Amino acid sequence: MGCRDVHAATVLAFLSGTASVAGLLAAVLLPNWRQMRLYTYNKNERNVTVYTGLWIKCARFDGSRDCVIYDPQWYTAVDQLDLRVLQFTLPLSMFTAVSALFLCLIGMCNTAFVSTVPNVKLAKCLVNSAGCHLVAGLLFLLACAICLTPSVWVIFYNNYLNRKYEPVFSFDISVFIAIASAGGLFFTSVLLFLWYCACKSLPSPFWQPLYSHAPSMHSYASQPYSARSRLSAMEIDIPVVTHAS
């Protein structure tokens, strides 16, 4: 797998990361993190389901799509710890994933349009495409951890609410969307790591994806001083002249 070409793994990673960010955005905006179903024994009334999101709360009667009670200021008065934590972690995860997408795009553009060896004077200031993908993979992995941990915690916290109050709480579709998005971020990071591991032939070290100097200069590297110091003055300064017979 050549690092000088745009590979299908990097393109697939970029598409997977974009879809994961879109899933995170949907999970953040949808008011479907938790349902609280309220039953009534009055035959003249209908049961009510309260849909709780990160920013809004909506109460609906069974069989109706209109909100009887709509609270757009719910984000300021969230009284459930797991949802309060998600208000901070999911936007942070989205920001981290978007930064990783930006780096991944820079790496692909650098691979596609800057295929030649950079100028020696600017070599130490440039990052190669493999370095961009490596950092992007680390950011995708970090975004996955930030998103997955509180999203899974919602499931356990929902069981805690059912034991503390009544079994009327259930987690909704946003939990599954967030967990699936976290899985997409992990898959994206794995793709980028696999692509980077296939680029070990780069002149820069594995842990430092920078151009230390142009590859053409490797053959002109001077010998270390310790090797040259073993030569005598006669061998260094006086050439050996031979005469043909």
C-alpha atoms as a PDB file:
ATOM      1  CA  MET A   1       0.000   0.000   0.000  1.00  0.00           C
ATOM      2  CA  GLY A   2       1.725   3.159  -1.155  1.00  0.00           C
ATOM      3  CA  CYS A   3       1.608   6.296   0.946  1.00  0.00           C
ATOM      4  CA  ARG A   4       2.154   8.455  -2.110  1.00  0.00           C
ATOM      5  CA  ASP A   5      -1.263   7.560  -3.548  1.00  0.00           C
ATOM      6  CA  VAL A   6      -4.784   8.236  -2.311  1.00  0.00           C
ATOM      7  CA  HIS A   7      -5.868   4.815  -1.092  1.00  0.00           C
ATOM      8  CA  ALA A   8      -9.399   3.437  -0.762  1.00  0.00           C
ATOM      9  CA  ALA A   9      -8.851   2.971   2.993  1.00  0.00           C
ATOM     10  CA  THR A  10      -8.388   6.694   3.588  1.00  0.00           C
ATOM     11  CA  VAL A  11     -11.393   7.589   1.436  1.00  0.00           C
ATOM     12  CA  LEU A  12     -13.537   5.004   3.226  1.00  0.00           C
ATOM     13  CA  ALA A  13     -12.306   6.328   6.574  1.00  0.00           C
ATOM     14  CA  PHE A  14     -13.274   9.879   5.614  1.00  0.00           C
ATOM     15  CA  LEU A  15     -16.760   8.764   4.527  1.00  0.00           C
ATOM     16  CA  SER A  16     -17.208   6.683   7.668  1.00  0.00           C
ATOM     17  CA  GLY A  17     -16.118   9.576   9.863  1.00  0.00           C
ATOM     18  CA  THR A  18     -18.510  11.937   8.081  1.00  0.00           C
ATOM     19  CA  ALA A  19     -21.429   9.529   8.580  1.00  0.00           C
ATOM     20  CA  SER A  20     -20.521   9.120  12.251  1.00  0.00           C
ATOM     21  CA  VAL A  21     -20.472  12.886  12.805  1.00  0.00           C
ATOM     22  CA  ALA A  22     -23.866  13.144  11.094  1.00  0.00           C
ATOM     23  CA  GLY A  23     -25.190  10.444  13.420  1.00  0.00           C
ATOM     24  CA  LEU A  24     -23.870  12.314  16.450  1.00  0.00           C
ATOM     25  CA  LEU A  25     -25.555  15.495  15.266  1.00  0.00           C
ATOM     26  CA  ALA A  26     -28.866  13.649  14.897  1.00  0.00           C
ATOM     27  CA  ALA A  27     -28.522  12.125  18.367  1.00  0.00           C
ATOM     28  CA  VAL A  28     -27.820  15.537  19.875  1.00  0.00           C
ATOM     29  CA  LEU A  29     -30.801  17.226  18.256  1.00  0.00           C
ATOM     30  CA  LEU A  30     -33.443  14.504  18.581  1.00  0.00           C
ATOM     31  CA  PRO A  31     -35.622  14.648  21.739  1.00  0.00           C
ATOM     32  CA  ASN A  32     -35.554  10.879  22.077  1.00  0.00           C
ATOM     33  CA  TRP A  33     -33.059  10.004  24.764  1.00  0.00           C
ATOM     34  CA  ARG A  34     -35.544   8.879  27.399  1.00  0.00           C
ATOM     35  CA  GLN A  35     -39.255   8.104  27.485  1.00  0.00           C
ATOM     36  CA  MET A  36     -41.453   8.341  30.551  1.00  0.00           C
ATOM     37  CA  ARG A  37     -44.806   6.658  30.002  1.00  0.00           C
ATOM     38  CA  LEU A  38     -47.634   7.775  32.283  1.00  0.00           C
ATOM     39  CA  TYR A  39     -50.661   5.508  32.486  1.00  0.00           C
ATOM     40  CA  THR A  40     -54.194   6.516  33.507  1.00  0.00           C
ATOM     41  CA  TYR A  41     -57.061   4.324  34.661  1.00  0.00           C
ATOM     42  CA  ASN A  42     -59.644   6.804  33.478  1.00  0.00           C
ATOM     43  CA  LYS A  43     -61.265   5.505  30.311  1.00  0.00           C
ATOM     44  CA  ASN A  44     -62.065   9.050  29.169  1.00  0.00           C
ATOM     45  CA  GLU A  45     -58.394  10.044  29.130  1.00  0.00           C
ATOM     46  CA  ARG A  46     -55.418   8.814  27.168  1.00  0.00           C
ATOM     47  CA  ASN A  47     -51.994   7.748  28.308  1.00  0.00           C
ATOM     48  CA  VAL A  48     -49.194  10.285  28.045  1.00  0.00           C
ATOM     49  CA  THR A  49     -45.586   9.699  26.948  1.00  0.00           C
ATOM     50  CA  VAL A  50     -42.948  12.268  27.872  1.00  0.00           C
ATOM     51  CA  TYR A  51     -40.023  12.386  25.445  1.00  0.00           C
ATOM     52  CA  THR A  52     -36.883  13.768  27.015  1.00  0.00           C
ATOM     53  CA  GLY A  53     -33.955  15.046  24.987  1.00  0.00           C
ATOM     54  CA  LEU A  54     -30.788  16.935  25.767  1.00  0.00           C
ATOM     55  CA  TRP A  55     -32.303  20.315  24.973  1.00  0.00           C
ATOM     56  CA  ILE A  56     -36.104  19.976  24.840  1.00  0.00           C
ATOM     57  CA  LYS A  57     -38.903  17.969  26.447  1.00  0.00           C
ATOM     58  CA  CYS A  58     -42.150  16.999  24.732  1.00  0.00           C
ATOM     59  CA  ALA A  59     -45.289  15.312  26.139  1.00  0.00           C
ATOM     60  CA  ARG A  60     -47.687  13.586  23.751  1.00  0.00           C
ATOM     61  CA  PHE A  61     -50.918  11.682  24.045  1.00  0.00           C
ATOM     62  CA  ASP A  62     -51.030   8.175  22.621  1.00  0.00           C
ATOM     63  CA  GLY A  63     -51.844   8.278  18.918  1.00  0.00           C
ATOM     64  CA  SER A  64     -50.906  11.950  18.549  1.00  0.00           C
ATOM     65  CA  ARG A  65     -47.784  13.539  17.058  1.00  0.00           C
ATOM     66  CA  ASP A  66     -48.369  17.000  18.479  1.00  0.00           C
ATOM     67  CA  CYS A  67     -46.726  18.006  21.720  1.00  0.00           C
ATOM     68  CA  VAL A  68     -49.224  18.794  24.450  1.00  0.00           C
ATOM     69  CA  ILE A  69     -46.416  20.210  26.564  1.00  0.00           C
ATOM     70  CA  TYR A  70     -43.324  21.550  24.798  1.00  0.00           C
ATOM     71  CA  ASP A  71     -40.469  22.858  26.914  1.00  0.00           C
ATOM     72  CA  PRO A  72     -37.709  24.486  24.822  1.00  0.00           C
ATOM     73  CA  GLN A  73     -35.899  25.637  27.980  1.00  0.00           C
ATOM     74  CA  TRP A  74     -35.414  22.102  29.249  1.00  0.00           C
ATOM     75  CA  TYR A  75     -31.637  22.302  28.754  1.00  0.00           C
ATOM     76  CA  THR A  76     -31.386  24.848  31.581  1.00  0.00           C
ATOM     77  CA  ALA A  77     -33.296  22.721  34.069  1.00  0.00           C
ATOM     78  CA  VAL A  78     -32.156  19.166  33.324  1.00  0.00           C
ATOM     79  CA  ASP A  79     -32.559  17.169  36.536  1.00  0.00           C
ATOM     80  CA  GLN A  80     -31.100  13.884  35.271  1.00  0.00           C
ATOM     81  CA  LEU A  81     -27.361  13.497  35.689  1.00  0.00           C
ATOM     82  CA  ASP A  82     -26.710  11.342  32.641  1.00  0.00           C
ATOM     83  CA  LEU A  83     -28.414  13.801  30.293  1.00  0.00           C
ATOM     84  CA  ARG A  84     -26.535  16.706  31.880  1.00  0.00           C
ATOM     85  CA  VAL A  85     -23.233  14.941  31.215  1.00  0.00           C
ATOM     86  CA  LEU A  86     -24.272  14.233  27.615  1.00  0.00           C
ATOM     87  CA  GLN A  87     -24.914  17.937  27.058  1.00  0.00           C
ATOM     88  CA  PHE A  88     -21.163  18.493  27.413  1.00  0.00           C
ATOM     89  CA  THR A  89     -19.640  15.263  26.119  1.00  0.00           C
ATOM     90  CA  LEU A  90     -21.514  14.866  22.822  1.00  0.00           C
ATOM     91  CA  PRO A  91     -20.677  18.383  21.493  1.00  0.00           C
ATOM     92  CA  LEU A  92     -17.079  17.806  22.602  1.00  0.00           C
ATOM     93  CA  SER A  93     -17.032  14.476  20.770  1.00  0.00           C
ATOM     94  CA  MET A  94     -18.437  16.147  17.657  1.00  0.00           C
ATOM     95  CA  PHE A  95     -15.796  18.881  17.783  1.00  0.00           C
ATOM     96  CA  THR A  96     -13.024  16.292  18.151  1.00  0.00           C
ATOM     97  CA  ALA A  97     -14.384  14.215  15.264  1.00  0.00           C
ATOM     98  CA  VAL A  98     -14.726  17.277  13.008  1.00  0.00           C
ATOM     99  CA  SER A  99     -11.102  18.199  13.773  1.00  0.00           C
ATOM    100  CA  ALA A 100     -10.090  14.652  12.825  1.00  0.00           C
ATOM    101  CA  LEU A 101     -12.047  14.928   9.569  1.00  0.00           C
ATOM    102  CA  PHE A 102     -10.245  18.169   8.781  1.00  0.00           C
ATOM    103  CA  LEU A 103      -6.862  16.533   9.340  1.00  0.00           C
ATOM    104  CA  CYS A 104      -7.877  13.517   7.272  1.00  0.00           C
ATOM    105  CA  LEU A 105      -8.887  15.817   4.420  1.00  0.00           C
ATOM    106  CA  ILE A 106      -5.575  17.659   4.644  1.00  0.00           C
ATOM    107  CA  GLY A 107      -3.735  14.333   4.480  1.00  0.00           C
ATOM    108  CA  MET A 108      -5.624  13.215   1.364  1.00  0.00           C
ATOM    109  CA  CYS A 109      -5.111  16.563  -0.354  1.00  0.00           C
ATOM    110  CA  ASN A 110      -1.419  16.462   0.528  1.00  0.00           C
ATOM    111  CA  THR A 111      -1.185  12.951  -0.941  1.00  0.00           C
ATOM    112  CA  ALA A 112      -3.039  13.890  -4.114  1.00  0.00           C
ATOM    113  CA  PHE A 113      -1.441  17.254  -4.915  1.00  0.00           C
ATOM    114  CA  VAL A 114       1.959  17.218  -3.175  1.00  0.00           C
ATOM    115  CA  SER A 115       3.490  13.951  -4.330  1.00  0.00           C
ATOM    116  CA  THR A 116       7.022  15.302  -4.807  1.00  0.00           C
ATOM    117  CA  VAL A 117       9.661  15.569  -2.116  1.00  0.00           C
ATOM    118  CA  PRO A 118       9.400  18.952  -0.357  1.00  0.00           C
ATOM    119  CA  ASN A 119      12.085  21.599  -0.367  1.00  0.00           C
ATOM    120  CA  VAL A 120      14.967  20.785   1.975  1.00  0.00           C
ATOM    121  CA  LYS A 121      14.702  24.196   3.682  1.00  0.00           C
ATOM    122  CA  LEU A 122      11.002  23.634   4.405  1.00  0.00           C
ATOM    123  CA  ALA A 123      11.179  19.898   5.117  1.00  0.00           C
ATOM    124  CA  LYS A 124      11.221  20.264   8.904  1.00  0.00           C
ATOM    125  CA  CYS A 125       8.108  22.462   8.824  1.00  0.00           C
ATOM    126  CA  LEU A 126       5.929  20.118   6.751  1.00  0.00           C
ATOM    127  CA  VAL A 127       3.842  17.166   7.916  1.00  0.00           C
ATOM    128  CA  ASN A 128       3.361  14.296   5.518  1.00  0.00           C
ATOM    129  CA  SER A 129      -0.008  12.727   4.787  1.00  0.00           C
ATOM    130  CA  ALA A 130       0.678   9.711   6.980  1.00  0.00           C
ATOM    131  CA  GLY A 131       1.217  12.030   9.949  1.00  0.00           C
ATOM    132  CA  CYS A 132      -2.126  13.721   9.326  1.00  0.00           C
ATOM    133  CA  HIS A 133      -3.892  10.370   9.182  1.00  0.00           C
ATOM    134  CA  LEU A 134      -2.155   9.160  12.337  1.00  0.00           C
ATOM    135  CA  VAL A 135      -3.265  12.198  14.363  1.00  0.00           C
ATOM    136  CA  ALA A 136      -6.745  11.968  12.821  1.00  0.00           C
ATOM    137  CA  GLY A 137      -6.988   8.321  13.888  1.00  0.00           C
ATOM    138  CA  LEU A 138      -6.050   9.255  17.458  1.00  0.00           C
ATOM    139  CA  LEU A 139      -8.669  12.019  17.480  1.00  0.00           C
ATOM    140  CA  PHE A 140     -11.337   9.654  16.125  1.00  0.00           C
ATOM    141  CA  LEU A 141     -10.487   7.177  18.884  1.00  0.00           C
ATOM    142  CA  LEU A 142     -10.730   9.937  21.491  1.00  0.00           C
ATOM    143  CA  ALA A 143     -14.081  11.093  20.094  1.00  0.00           C
ATOM    144  CA  CYS A 144     -15.339   7.500  20.267  1.00  0.00           C
ATOM    145  CA  ALA A 145     -14.406   7.209  23.951  1.00  0.00           C
ATOM    146  CA  ILE A 146     -15.969  10.581  24.798  1.00  0.00           C
ATOM    147  CA  CYS A 147     -19.223   9.609  23.060  1.00  0.00           C
ATOM    148  CA  LEU A 148     -19.522   5.929  23.965  1.00  0.00           C
ATOM    149  CA  THR A 149     -19.003   6.095  27.735  1.00  0.00           C
ATOM    150  CA  PRO A 150     -21.880   8.455  28.658  1.00  0.00           C
ATOM    151  CA  SER A 151     -24.162   6.931  26.010  1.00  0.00           C
ATOM    152  CA  VAL A 152     -23.834   3.465  27.549  1.00  0.00           C
ATOM    153  CA  TRP A 153     -24.240   5.011  31.012  1.00  0.00           C
ATOM    154  CA  VAL A 154     -27.746   6.148  29.983  1.00  0.00           C
ATOM    155  CA  ILE A 155     -28.843   2.490  29.860  1.00  0.00           C
ATOM    156  CA  PHE A 156     -27.637   1.774  33.410  1.00  0.00           C
ATOM    157  CA  TYR A 157     -28.963   5.075  34.723  1.00  0.00           C
ATOM    158  CA  ASN A 158     -32.349   4.265  33.220  1.00  0.00           C
ATOM    159  CA  ASN A 159     -32.440   1.038  35.252  1.00  0.00           C
ATOM    160  CA  TYR A 160     -31.495   3.049  38.328  1.00  0.00           C
ATOM    161  CA  LEU A 161     -34.438   5.400  37.776  1.00  0.00           C
ATOM    162  CA  ASN A 162     -36.826   2.466  37.402  1.00  0.00           C
ATOM    163  CA  ARG A 163     -35.650   0.993  40.705  1.00  0.00           C
ATOM    164  CA  LYS A 164     -35.750   4.328  42.521  1.00  0.00           C
ATOM    165  CA  TYR A 165     -39.161   5.475  41.294  1.00  0.00           C
ATOM    166  CA  GLU A 166     -41.439   3.337  39.139  1.00  0.00           C
ATOM    167  CA  PRO A 167     -40.749   1.218  36.027  1.00  0.00           C
ATOM    168  CA  VAL A 168     -41.977   3.916  33.658  1.00  0.00           C
ATOM    169  CA  PHE A 169     -38.635   4.956  32.151  1.00  0.00           C
ATOM    170  CA  SER A 170     -37.092   3.562  28.964  1.00  0.00           C
ATOM    171  CA  PHE A 171     -34.224   4.726  26.775  1.00  0.00           C
ATOM    172  CA  ASP A 172     -35.088   5.793  23.251  1.00  0.00           C
ATOM    173  CA  ILE A 173     -33.612   5.711  19.761  1.00  0.00           C
ATOM    174  CA  SER A 174     -31.020   8.458  20.339  1.00  0.00           C
ATOM    175  CA  VAL A 175     -29.079   6.090  22.600  1.00  0.00           C
ATOM    176  CA  PHE A 176     -28.717   3.569  19.776  1.00  0.00           C
ATOM    177  CA  ILE A 177     -27.773   6.299  17.285  1.00  0.00           C
ATOM    178  CA  ALA A 178     -25.042   7.605  19.591  1.00  0.00           C
ATOM    179  CA  ILE A 179     -23.627   4.118  20.248  1.00  0.00           C
ATOM    180  CA  ALA A 180     -23.677   3.308  16.525  1.00  0.00           C
ATOM    181  CA  SER A 181     -21.919   6.608  15.787  1.00  0.00           C
ATOM    182  CA  ALA A 182     -19.264   5.772  18.377  1.00  0.00           C
ATOM    183  CA  GLY A 183     -18.778   2.421  16.634  1.00  0.00           C
ATOM    184  CA  GLY A 184     -18.353   4.261  13.336  1.00  0.00           C
ATOM    185  CA  LEU A 185     -15.710   6.515  14.885  1.00  0.00           C
ATOM    186  CA  PHE A 186     -13.842   3.471  16.194  1.00  0.00           C
ATOM    187  CA  PHE A 187     -14.020   1.790  12.773  1.00  0.00           C
ATOM    188  CA  THR A 188     -12.668   4.981  11.181  1.00  0.00           C
ATOM    189  CA  SER A 189      -9.724   5.131  13.579  1.00  0.00           C
ATOM    190  CA  VAL A 190      -8.899   1.462  12.926  1.00  0.00           C
ATOM    191  CA  LEU A 191      -8.867   2.082   9.169  1.00  0.00           C
ATOM    192  CA  LEU A 192      -6.488   5.023   9.555  1.00  0.00           C
ATOM    193  CA  PHE A 193      -4.201   3.071  11.880  1.00  0.00           C
ATOM    194  CA  LEU A 194      -4.035   0.158   9.452  1.00  0.00           C
ATOM    195  CA  TRP A 195      -3.225   2.539   6.604  1.00  0.00           C
ATOM    196  CA  TYR A 196      -0.505   4.190   8.658  1.00  0.00           C
ATOM    197  CA  CYS A 197       1.057   0.867   9.674  1.00  0.00           C
ATOM    198  CA  ALA A 198       1.383   0.036   5.979  1.00  0.00           C
ATOM    199  CA  CYS A 199       3.453   3.202   5.492  1.00  0.00           C
ATOM    200  CA  LYS A 200       6.477   2.201   7.575  1.00  0.00           C
ATOM    201  CA  SER A 201       8.737   2.641   4.561  1.00  0.00           C
ATOM    202  CA  LEU A 202       8.609   6.417   4.986  1.00  0.00           C
ATOM    203  CA  PRO A 203      11.970   8.048   5.796  1.00  0.00           C
ATOM    204  CA  SER A 204      10.635   9.487   9.054  1.00  0.00           C
ATOM    205  CA  PRO A 205      10.351   7.384  12.234  1.00  0.00           C
ATOM    206  CA  PHE A 206       7.145   5.544  13.150  1.00  0.00           C
ATOM    207  CA  TRP A 207       6.421   7.821  16.125  1.00  0.00           C
ATOM    208  CA  GLN A 208       7.382  11.085  14.397  1.00  0.00           C
ATOM    209  CA  PRO A 209       5.586  11.540  11.058  1.00  0.00           C
ATOM    210  CA  LEU A 210       7.680  14.513   9.928  1.00  0.00           C
ATOM    211  CA  TYR A 211      10.099  15.048   7.073  1.00  0.00           C
ATOM    212  CA  SER A 212      13.440  15.235   8.844  1.00  0.00           C
ATOM    213  CA  HIS A 213      15.191  15.757   5.480  1.00  0.00           C
ATOM    214  CA  ALA A 214      14.687  14.864   1.873  1.00  0.00           C
ATOM    215  CA  PRO A 215      15.071  11.171   1.019  1.00  0.00           C
ATOM    216  CA  SER A 216      17.644  12.029  -1.662  1.00  0.00           C
ATOM    217  CA  MET A 217      20.061  13.182   1.026  1.00  0.00           C
ATOM    218  CA  HIS A 218      20.181   9.792   2.779  1.00  0.00           C
ATOM    219  CA  SER A 219      22.934   8.446   0.492  1.00  0.00           C
ATOM    220  CA  TYR A 220      25.122  11.491   1.163  1.00  0.00           C
ATOM    221  CA  ALA A 221      25.097  11.246   4.923  1.00  0.00           C
ATOM    222  CA  SER A 222      28.600  11.572   6.369  1.00  0.00           C
ATOM    223  CA  GLN A 223      30.130   8.925   8.555  1.00  0.00           C
ATOM    224  CA  PRO A 224      30.118   9.493  12.290  1.00  0.00           C
ATOM    225  CA  TYR A 225      33.172  11.145  13.774  1.00  0.00           C
ATOM    226  CA  SER A 226      34.090   8.083  15.773  1.00  0.00           C
ATOM    227  CA  ALA A 227      34.532   6.083  12.563  1.00  0.00           C
ATOM    228  CA  ARG A 228      36.654   8.736  10.886  1.00  0.00           C
ATOM    229  CA  SER A 229      38.786   9.275  13.981  1.00  0.00           C
ATOM    230  CA  ARG A 230      40.187   5.765  13.678  1.00  0.00           C
ATOM    231  CA  LEU A 231      41.890   6.642  10.396  1.00  0.00           C
ATOM    232  CA  SER A 232      45.430   7.840  10.593  1.00  0.00           C
ATOM    233  CA  ALA A 233      46.612  11.170   9.242  1.00  0.00           C
ATOM    234  CA  MET A 234      48.472   9.411   6.459  1.00  0.00           C
ATOM    235  CA  GLU A 235      45.332   7.617   5.272  1.00  0.00           C
ATOM    236  CA  ILE A 236      43.260  10.795   5.343  1.00  0.00           C
ATOM    237  CA  ASP A 237      45.615  13.393   3.885  1.00  0.00           C
ATOM    238  CA  ILE A 238      48.006  11.489   1.602  1.00  0.00           C
ATOM    239  CA  PRO A 239      46.431   9.667  -1.314  1.00  0.00           C
ATOM    240  CA  VAL A 240      47.954   6.449  -2.566  1.00  0.00           C
ATOM    241  CA  VAL A 241      49.435   6.778  -6.046  1.00  0.00           C
ATOM    242  CA  THR A 242      50.060   3.695  -8.098  1.00  0.00           C
ATOM    243  CA  HIS A 243      51.973   3.464 -11.379  1.00  0.00           C
ATOM    244  CA  ALA A 244      50.907   1.173 -14.098  1.00  0.00           C
ATOM    245  CA  SER A 245      53.647  -1.168 -15.207  1.00  0.00           C
END
